[in-house]
Every structure is written in C-alpha cells, then in structure tokens.
Protein backbone atom coordinates (compact mmCIF):
# COMPACT_ATOMS: atom_id res chain seq x y z
CA MET A 1 67.30 113.01 66.89
CA ILE A 2 70.23 110.59 67.04
CA TRP A 3 71.24 111.69 63.54
CA ARG A 4 71.24 115.33 64.58
CA PHE A 5 73.57 114.88 67.59
CA LYS A 6 75.69 112.20 65.95
CA THR A 7 76.50 114.33 62.90
CA GLY A 8 76.15 117.81 64.36
CA GLY A 9 74.01 118.84 61.40
CA GLN A 10 71.16 121.32 61.46
CA TRP A 11 67.57 120.19 61.83
CA ARG A 12 66.67 121.44 58.34
CA GLU A 13 69.46 119.28 56.85
CA MET A 14 67.88 116.07 58.14
CA PRO A 15 67.43 113.34 55.48
CA GLN A 16 63.94 113.11 54.08
CA GLU A 17 63.49 109.48 55.10
CA PHE A 18 63.25 110.66 58.74
CA GLY A 19 60.20 112.75 57.94
CA ALA A 20 59.59 116.48 58.20
CA TRP A 21 62.41 118.13 60.14
CA GLN A 22 59.96 120.55 61.77
CA THR A 23 58.05 117.61 63.27
CA VAL A 24 61.21 115.98 64.62
CA SER A 25 62.49 119.27 66.03
CA ASN A 26 59.19 120.03 67.76
CA ARG A 27 59.01 116.49 69.16
CA PHE A 28 62.56 116.87 70.49
CA GLN A 29 61.64 120.10 72.28
CA GLN A 30 58.53 118.51 73.79
CA TRP A 31 60.46 115.49 75.05
CA ARG A 32 63.25 117.75 76.32
CA ASP A 33 60.84 119.89 78.34
CA ALA A 34 59.07 116.78 79.68
CA GLY A 35 62.34 115.22 80.85
CA VAL A 36 61.98 112.17 78.60
CA PHE A 37 65.70 111.86 77.81
CA GLU A 38 66.77 111.96 81.45
CA ALA A 39 64.06 109.44 82.33
CA LEU A 40 65.27 107.21 79.49
CA LEU A 41 68.78 107.16 80.93
CA GLU A 42 67.49 106.42 84.44
CA GLY A 43 65.33 103.60 83.10
CA LEU A 44 68.22 101.98 81.23
CA ILE A 45 70.47 102.21 84.31
CA ALA A 46 67.69 100.65 86.40
CA GLU A 47 67.35 97.80 83.89
CA ALA A 48 71.11 97.26 83.99
CA ALA A 49 71.00 97.22 87.80
CA LYS A 50 68.22 94.64 87.65
CA ARG A 51 70.52 92.43 85.57
CA GLY A 52 73.45 93.06 87.93
CA MET A 53 75.45 94.94 85.30
CA VAL A 54 76.05 98.25 87.14
CA GLU A 55 79.54 98.40 88.66
CA LEU A 56 79.60 100.81 91.63
CA SER A 57 82.73 99.45 93.27
CA LEU A 58 84.53 102.44 91.75
CA VAL A 59 83.03 105.63 90.29
CA GLY A 60 85.24 108.02 88.36
CA ILE A 61 84.56 111.75 88.16
CA ASP A 62 86.10 114.09 85.62
CA SER A 63 85.24 117.03 83.38
CA THR A 64 85.75 118.05 79.78
CA THR A 65 85.13 121.22 77.82
CA ALA A 66 83.01 121.43 74.70
CA ARG A 67 83.76 124.25 72.29
CA ALA A 68 80.65 126.21 71.39
CA HIS A 69 79.92 126.75 67.71
CA HIS A 70 78.80 130.24 66.68
CA ASP A 71 75.31 128.75 66.17
CA ALA A 72 75.14 128.29 69.96
CA ALA A 73 75.24 132.04 70.54
CA GLY A 74 72.13 134.20 70.81
CA MET A 75 70.01 132.35 73.35
CA HIS A 76 66.69 134.18 73.66
CA LEU A 77 65.65 135.44 77.08
CA SER A 78 62.35 137.13 77.78
CA GLU A 79 62.53 140.75 78.89
CA ASP A 80 61.11 139.90 82.33
CA VAL A 81 63.77 137.26 82.96
CA LEU A 82 66.54 139.52 81.69
CA VAL A 83 65.38 142.42 83.87
CA ALA A 84 65.23 140.16 86.92
CA LEU A 85 68.72 138.81 86.25
CA GLU A 86 70.02 142.32 85.64
CA LYS A 87 68.50 143.55 88.90
CA ALA A 88 70.11 140.70 90.84
CA ALA A 89 73.48 141.39 89.20
CA ALA A 90 73.18 145.11 89.94
CA GLU A 91 72.42 144.40 93.59
CA GLU A 92 75.40 142.06 93.79
CA GLU A 93 77.63 144.68 92.20
CA LYS A 94 76.32 147.31 94.59
CA ALA A 95 77.06 145.05 97.57
CA ARG A 96 80.61 144.54 96.34
CA SER A 97 81.13 148.28 96.07
CA LYS A 98 80.80 148.45 99.90
CA GLY A 99 77.61 150.44 100.05
CA ALA A 100 78.38 153.09 97.47
CA ALA A 101 75.53 155.59 97.19
CA SER A 102 73.31 155.05 94.16
CA THR A 103 71.49 158.39 94.48
CA ASN A 104 72.73 161.94 94.71
CA ARG A 105 72.20 164.31 97.61
CA THR A 106 68.74 165.34 96.39
CA GLY A 107 67.59 161.72 96.62
CA ARG A 108 67.09 161.38 92.87
CA GLU A 109 68.69 158.78 90.72
CA PRO A 110 71.61 160.11 88.67
CA THR A 111 71.12 160.53 84.95
CA GLN A 112 72.25 157.67 82.77
CA THR A 113 75.61 158.45 81.21
CA PRO A 114 77.05 156.82 78.10
CA SER A 115 79.46 154.91 80.31
CA GLY A 116 76.48 153.74 82.35
CA TRP A 117 74.73 152.50 79.23
CA SER A 118 77.82 150.63 78.04
CA ARG A 119 78.16 149.07 81.48
CA ARG A 120 74.53 147.94 81.28
CA ILE A 121 75.08 146.44 77.82
CA ARG A 122 78.13 144.53 79.02
CA ARG A 123 76.20 143.31 82.05
CA ARG A 124 73.36 142.04 79.85
CA ARG A 125 75.82 140.26 77.58
CA LYS A 126 77.38 138.52 80.58
CA LEU A 127 73.95 137.57 81.91
CA ARG A 128 72.97 136.00 78.60
CA LEU A 129 76.17 133.95 78.57
CA LYS A 130 75.62 132.91 82.19
CA ALA A 131 72.04 131.81 81.51
CA ALA A 132 73.19 129.84 78.45
CA LEU A 133 76.00 128.20 80.50
CA LEU A 134 78.58 129.55 78.08
CA GLY A 135 81.87 130.90 79.40
CA ARG A 136 84.74 132.83 77.97
CA PHE A 137 87.73 130.57 77.61
CA ARG A 138 90.94 130.54 75.65
CA GLY A 139 89.94 130.35 72.02
CA GLY A 140 86.25 131.24 72.39
CA GLN A 141 83.10 130.27 74.25
CA THR A 142 82.87 126.86 75.86
CA SER A 143 80.73 124.75 78.16
CA LYS A 144 82.06 122.20 80.62
CA ILE A 145 80.62 118.73 81.17
CA HIS A 146 81.11 117.21 84.63
CA VAL A 147 80.48 113.47 84.41
CA ALA A 148 80.45 110.50 86.77
CA GLY A 149 80.94 107.04 85.29
CA ASP A 150 81.07 103.50 86.59
CA ARG A 151 83.95 101.05 86.35
CA LYS A 152 82.94 99.90 82.84
CA CYS A 153 83.04 103.31 81.12
CA ARG A 154 79.30 103.99 81.34
CA PRO A 155 77.80 107.34 82.42
CA LEU A 156 75.81 107.74 85.62
CA ALA A 157 75.31 111.50 86.06
CA PHE A 158 75.98 114.82 84.33
CA ILE A 159 76.26 118.47 85.31
CA LEU A 160 76.71 121.26 82.76
CA THR A 161 78.45 124.52 83.64
CA ALA A 162 80.18 127.38 81.89
CA GLY A 163 83.59 126.56 80.47
CA GLN A 164 85.61 128.54 83.02
CA ALA A 165 83.98 126.83 86.03
CA ALA A 166 86.36 125.02 88.37
CA ASP A 167 86.18 121.24 88.78
CA SER A 168 86.34 120.88 92.56
CA PRO A 169 83.09 122.77 93.43
CA GLN A 170 81.14 120.41 91.12
CA PHE A 171 82.48 117.23 92.72
CA ILE A 172 79.77 116.91 95.39
CA PRO A 173 76.84 118.02 93.13
CA VAL A 174 77.65 115.48 90.41
CA LEU A 175 78.18 112.74 93.01
CA LYS A 176 74.78 113.51 94.55
CA LYS A 177 73.13 112.94 91.16
CA VAL A 178 74.28 109.30 91.06
CA ARG A 179 71.10 107.27 91.64
CA VAL A 180 70.86 103.62 90.66
CA ARG A 181 67.37 102.18 91.13
CA GLY A 182 67.32 98.49 91.88
CA PRO A 183 64.42 96.04 91.62
CA VAL A 184 63.56 96.59 95.31
CA GLY A 185 64.44 99.08 98.01
CA ARG A 186 65.78 102.58 97.79
CA PRO A 187 68.01 103.74 94.94
CA ARG A 188 71.69 103.25 95.60
CA THR A 189 73.50 106.58 95.84
CA ARG A 190 76.72 105.60 97.59
CA PRO A 191 79.51 103.90 95.60
CA ASP A 192 82.27 102.00 97.34
CA ALA A 193 85.04 104.31 96.10
CA VAL A 194 85.36 107.50 94.06
CA ALA A 195 88.38 108.27 91.87
CA GLY A 196 89.42 111.70 90.66
CA ASP A 197 92.50 113.67 89.71
CA LYS A 198 94.29 116.26 91.83
CA ALA A 199 91.79 118.95 90.84
CA TYR A 200 89.29 117.36 93.24
CA SER A 201 91.71 117.22 96.16
CA SER A 202 90.12 119.52 98.74
CA SER A 203 89.28 119.15 102.40
CA GLY A 204 85.58 119.71 101.68
CA ASN A 205 85.41 116.89 99.14
CA ARG A 206 87.37 114.52 101.35
CA THR A 207 85.20 115.35 104.35
CA HIS A 208 82.07 114.65 102.32
CA LEU A 209 83.39 111.25 101.24
CA ARG A 210 84.51 110.41 104.77
CA ARG A 211 81.11 111.33 106.17
CA ARG A 212 79.39 109.06 103.66
CA ARG A 213 81.94 106.27 104.23
CA ILE A 214 83.18 106.34 100.64
CA LYS A 215 86.79 105.55 99.90
CA ALA A 216 88.61 108.52 98.35
CA VAL A 217 90.96 107.59 95.51
CA ILE A 218 92.28 111.11 94.94
CA PRO A 219 95.97 112.05 95.05
CA ASP A 220 97.05 115.02 97.14
CA LYS A 221 98.41 118.23 95.67
CA ARG A 222 101.99 119.14 96.40
CA ASP A 223 101.16 122.55 97.86
CA GLN A 224 98.48 121.06 100.13
CA ALA A 225 100.92 118.41 101.36
CA ALA A 226 103.57 121.07 102.00
CA ASN A 227 101.14 123.27 103.94
CA ARG A 228 100.01 120.31 106.01
CA LYS A 229 103.64 119.44 106.78
CA ASN A 230 104.45 123.01 107.79
CA LYS A 231 101.60 123.03 110.29
CA GLY A 232 103.05 120.01 112.06
CA SER A 233 100.61 118.16 114.29
CA ARG A 234 97.93 120.78 113.57
CA GLY A 235 97.99 119.85 109.89
CA GLY A 236 96.51 116.41 110.48
CA ARG A 237 97.48 113.08 109.02
CA PRO A 238 99.01 112.82 105.55
CA VAL A 239 96.55 111.97 102.80
CA SER A 240 97.02 108.59 101.16
CA HIS A 241 95.28 106.92 98.25
CA ASP A 242 95.28 103.53 96.58
CA ALA A 243 97.73 103.98 93.70
CA GLU A 244 96.72 100.72 92.02
CA LEU A 245 93.03 101.56 92.18
CA HIS A 246 93.75 105.07 90.94
CA LYS A 247 95.06 103.58 87.70
CA GLU A 248 91.47 102.70 86.82
CA ARG A 249 90.53 106.37 86.73
CA ASN A 250 91.14 106.12 82.99
CA THR A 251 87.65 104.59 82.73
CA VAL A 252 86.02 108.01 83.05
CA GLU A 253 88.46 109.46 80.51
CA ARG A 254 87.57 106.69 78.08
CA LEU A 255 83.91 107.43 78.78
CA ILE A 256 84.46 111.06 77.76
CA ASN A 257 85.97 109.83 74.49
CA LYS A 258 82.82 107.76 73.91
CA LEU A 259 80.58 110.75 74.57
CA LYS A 260 82.53 112.96 72.20
CA ALA A 261 82.34 110.39 69.41
CA TRP A 262 79.13 112.25 68.50
CA ARG A 263 79.97 115.56 66.84
CA GLY A 264 76.94 117.24 68.41
CA ILE A 265 78.41 116.48 71.84
CA ALA A 266 82.07 117.26 71.10
CA THR A 267 80.97 120.68 69.81
CA ARG A 268 77.98 122.47 71.23
CA TYR A 269 75.61 123.69 68.52
CA ASP A 270 72.56 124.21 70.79
CA LYS A 271 71.62 127.65 72.03
CA THR A 272 69.95 126.45 75.22
CA PRO A 273 71.73 124.33 77.83
CA ASP A 274 68.61 122.16 78.19
CA SER A 275 68.87 121.04 74.57
CA TYR A 276 72.57 120.23 74.91
CA LEU A 277 71.90 118.29 78.13
CA ALA A 278 69.15 116.37 76.37
CA GLY A 279 71.69 115.37 73.71
CA LEU A 280 74.06 114.23 76.46
CA TYR A 281 71.36 112.08 78.02
CA LEU A 282 70.54 110.63 74.60
CA ARG A 283 74.18 109.76 73.92
CA ALA A 284 74.53 108.22 77.40
CA SER A 285 71.37 106.17 76.82
CA MET A 286 72.82 104.76 73.60
CA ILE A 287 75.96 103.69 75.48
CA TRP A 288 73.89 101.81 78.06
CA LEU A 289 71.57 100.37 75.40
CA LYS A 290 74.52 98.97 73.49
CA ASP A 291 75.80 97.19 76.61
CA LEU A 292 72.34 95.88 77.45
CA THR A 293 71.77 94.42 74.00
CA ARG A 294 75.07 92.57 74.03
CA GLY A 295 74.67 91.37 77.61
CA GLY A 296 77.28 93.64 79.34
C-alpha cells in the first residue's frame, strides 16, 4: 500500500515480492471502509502525546490542490444514489428559479425536449464530480486538501473538498477535527494559537477563535481594514496579530511539501475520495512514525 501511494503506480504494477496485487487491493479497500488508516493516525498521535512530543502551542492551517489524473475520473455511483442526488439538485434549481411552474396548465408534466435531456446529462456529470470531490479548475480537475499541522511540521487533521472550494469556509471544520488523546482525561481539541494566511481572515473565523479562547495569528486583508476604518467607531477595533509568531506559519507549508513527496498524494489517481483520504492518512502516519522512531 505504501508502494502504491509513494510511486503513484497502478495496483496491477505492484512488484511480485509484495504478493498478489488483487489481495493487497482488496485488503486496502477493507481497511479503508473500516477506518483503519484514520485510526492508525489517531493512535500514533496519541502515542506521541503520551511521550510529550505533540506541539499544540501553535497550529497552522493551510490548503493545497492536487491535480487529478485521468484515471481518477469515472467514479461509479449506483442508480439510486444518482437519482436521489439528481432529485435534490433539481429541487434546488427549481427553488432558485423563484417558483417557476414545472407543469403546464393541464397539470401534466411537459414532454422532455432535447434541451431538457442535455440539461439532465450536464446535471448528472456535475453530480458525479461533486460526489467524487473533483472540481473544475484552471488546467483540469483538481481536489483540495485542507490540513492542520502542529509546530513541528506534523499533520493533525485533514478535510478533502473539490478544487474550486474556498479556504475560509473550511477553517472551522478542519480545526474541529484536531483531537489529541492523552494518557488520561479528555482529548485536547484547543491549541494555544492558530496561524493562517489572509484567506482565513473573516469575522466568523475570528469570532470562533475568540469564543474558544484561541489566539488568532492571521493578518487582516486590506479591503477589510479599509471597510472597518470607513465605518468609524461602528467598525470595531483594528485587528492585530503577532508578526513574529506568524513567521512560523511556514511549518504547515513545509508539511504540505512532505505530504506531496509521495506521487500518489501530489497527484490524485483514485476515483473515490475515500481511497485518496486513506492514502493521506497513511502518508501522515508515516510522518509521525518516523518522528516516533527517532525520538522526536
């Protein structure tokens, strides 16, 4: 499994000394569905916390895109799931059309026109991409990895979205996935400070950090500062951040470089997002295992 994600090769190209590739592929799917890879990462982080090696004084959050290979296209969806997704999308489209009538005056549904069929085909294509967490981006289809890492360039949590997804809405979800189990007591979910670039500068994110008593190390955008200044006293206090502490945000960028050292992570070859996430958890586990074996 490590060979597959490290090289980006196909399962059938696996060296013979690893055994039958069908057996390894089936075992990977079983472990993926059972959540073994995510549990492996959580266990290694818990072991590192037991040894006092987890550094939560500063957590960095950032995102990176992974270009999807053409092998990642064509995720299979059952007809029931596709019909349900199509029905939900049609209802959403109908709501956006401000209550446009879907039946004629006789109460019967209008006949399906060629334009209607082409619209349905396009809708199904978009639904397949959405379910596979693949998005249209400049240069092709991509997925985006949102990652939180500790102060020593080690991963703590992941979220996978389509490539065109914005960074700021994923700030709170990825931060909520940070859970460090210690030897006793509840898992620690609140770091001392969180660092991010200007993409995460929003009132919602800052309010969330303030409510949880987490120090925000996020610079303010120029347009947000100008709008706040124009509002005068109604705009609130100017946003400040620790410039020296913000310099250590490069730890999460270096972590992304470590993750993408594996070709199967830098480029997505998996059709299903669950398989790609399992590879991410496996790569993250190897990073923690390397630090544990050498004593931090």
